[in-house]
Amino acid sequence: MSNGTDPDSTDVTYLGLSRKSLLLELARASYAVGIGTAVTTILVFGVYVLGIEPPGVVLLTGFSVGLVFLPAGLYLYDRCRERDLVIADLGHAIVRPAALLYRVLRNP
């Protein structure tokens, strides 16, 4: 430890981002993909339960919107907000009713 510097205390950067920023971006992306997947799964399950057979174009469009455009939009929305991980609140709002429904259906 010469000159009062600690080699472990330096900021490590990956792709020009600090470790903290990179982890925050990964958390944003994972929340966005998780919410998009959950919404798509709920819609597909609802269509299956109702017995509706939509045409192939509708299915392709639905999956594209739910698995590509919705996560991309949520990620960009979260990037533009002043507070970090705004979409985490949306994720919790989706998970709580699904967990409650599971708990109700599991215990008849």
Protein backbone atom coordinates (compact mmCIF):
# COMPACT_ATOMS: atom_id res chain seq x y z
CA MET A 1 0.00 0.00 0.00
CA SER A 2 2.28 2.64 -1.20
CA ASN A 3 1.20 6.27 -1.39
CA GLY A 4 -1.97 5.62 0.59
CA THR A 5 -3.85 3.95 -2.24
CA ASP A 6 -5.65 0.67 -2.02
CA PRO A 7 -5.79 -1.29 -5.29
CA ASP A 8 -9.05 -2.98 -4.25
CA SER A 9 -10.88 0.30 -3.73
CA THR A 10 -10.67 1.45 -7.36
CA ASP A 11 -13.88 1.51 -9.36
CA VAL A 12 -14.06 -1.47 -11.66
CA THR A 13 -15.76 -0.66 -14.94
CA TYR A 14 -17.38 -3.00 -17.44
CA LEU A 15 -18.25 -1.69 -20.89
CA GLY A 16 -17.70 1.84 -19.60
CA LEU A 17 -20.15 1.45 -16.69
CA SER A 18 -19.36 1.13 -13.03
CA ARG A 19 -20.31 -2.10 -11.31
CA LYS A 20 -23.23 -0.45 -9.53
CA SER A 21 -24.62 1.01 -12.77
CA LEU A 22 -24.26 -2.30 -14.57
CA LEU A 23 -26.13 -4.14 -11.81
CA LEU A 24 -28.88 -1.51 -11.88
CA GLU A 25 -29.27 -1.89 -15.65
CA LEU A 26 -29.39 -5.67 -15.33
CA ALA A 27 -32.06 -5.36 -12.62
CA ARG A 28 -34.09 -3.03 -14.84
CA ALA A 29 -33.85 -5.41 -17.77
CA SER A 30 -34.76 -8.45 -15.69
CA TYR A 31 -37.79 -6.70 -14.16
CA ALA A 32 -38.95 -5.61 -17.62
CA VAL A 33 -38.59 -9.11 -19.08
CA GLY A 34 -40.24 -10.67 -16.03
CA ILE A 35 -43.23 -8.35 -16.19
CA GLY A 36 -43.61 -8.88 -19.94
CA THR A 37 -43.45 -12.65 -19.49
CA ALA A 38 -45.94 -12.60 -16.62
CA VAL A 39 -48.43 -10.48 -18.56
CA THR A 40 -48.10 -12.72 -21.62
CA THR A 41 -48.51 -15.87 -19.53
CA ILE A 42 -51.62 -14.52 -17.81
CA LEU A 43 -53.18 -13.56 -21.15
CA VAL A 44 -52.35 -16.91 -22.77
CA PHE A 45 -53.72 -18.79 -19.76
CA GLY A 46 -56.91 -16.70 -19.91
CA VAL A 47 -57.37 -17.45 -23.61
CA TYR A 48 -56.75 -21.15 -22.93
CA VAL A 49 -59.28 -21.26 -20.08
CA LEU A 50 -61.92 -19.50 -22.18
CA GLY A 51 -61.32 -21.96 -25.02
CA ILE A 52 -60.70 -19.30 -27.65
CA GLU A 53 -58.55 -20.32 -30.62
CA PRO A 54 -57.17 -17.11 -32.13
CA PRO A 55 -55.61 -17.12 -35.62
CA GLY A 56 -51.84 -17.53 -35.97
CA VAL A 57 -51.31 -13.87 -36.83
CA VAL A 58 -52.98 -12.81 -33.59
CA LEU A 59 -50.84 -15.22 -31.59
CA LEU A 60 -47.63 -14.02 -33.24
CA THR A 61 -48.59 -10.39 -32.66
CA GLY A 62 -49.52 -11.08 -29.04
CA PHE A 63 -46.27 -12.86 -28.29
CA SER A 64 -44.28 -10.14 -30.05
CA VAL A 65 -45.95 -7.41 -28.05
CA GLY A 66 -45.77 -9.30 -24.76
CA LEU A 67 -42.25 -10.63 -25.01
CA VAL A 68 -40.45 -7.94 -27.05
CA PHE A 69 -42.20 -4.58 -27.17
CA LEU A 70 -43.66 -4.52 -23.64
CA PRO A 71 -40.30 -5.27 -21.94
CA ALA A 72 -38.52 -2.77 -24.19
CA GLY A 73 -41.12 -0.11 -23.40
CA LEU A 74 -40.97 -0.80 -19.66
CA TYR A 75 -37.17 -0.65 -19.70
CA LEU A 76 -37.16 2.67 -21.55
CA TYR A 77 -39.90 4.02 -19.25
CA ASP A 78 -37.84 3.12 -16.20
CA ARG A 79 -34.71 4.73 -17.68
CA CYS A 80 -36.54 8.05 -18.11
CA ARG A 81 -37.84 8.24 -14.51
CA GLU A 82 -35.93 10.06 -11.80
CA ARG A 83 -36.40 7.28 -9.26
CA ASP A 84 -34.69 3.96 -9.95
CA LEU A 85 -36.66 0.77 -10.57
CA VAL A 86 -40.13 2.29 -10.85
CA ILE A 87 -41.25 -0.85 -12.68
CA ALA A 88 -40.42 -2.93 -9.60
CA ASP A 89 -43.63 -1.55 -8.08
CA LEU A 90 -45.53 -2.80 -11.13
CA GLY A 91 -43.87 -6.19 -10.77
CA HIS A 92 -45.04 -6.46 -7.18
CA ALA A 93 -48.53 -5.37 -8.18
CA ILE A 94 -48.67 -8.25 -10.68
CA VAL A 95 -47.14 -10.89 -8.43
CA ARG A 96 -49.25 -10.26 -5.33
CA PRO A 97 -52.67 -11.05 -6.90
CA ALA A 98 -51.20 -14.10 -8.67
CA ALA A 99 -49.77 -15.36 -5.37
CA LEU A 100 -53.09 -14.75 -3.63
CA LEU A 101 -54.96 -16.62 -6.36
CA TYR A 102 -52.52 -19.52 -6.07
CA ARG A 103 -52.97 -19.60 -2.30
CA VAL A 104 -56.77 -19.59 -2.63
CA LEU A 105 -56.82 -22.31 -5.29
CA ARG A 106 -54.29 -24.48 -3.47
CA ASN A 107 -56.37 -24.65 -0.27
CA PRO A 108 -59.90 -25.72 -1.23
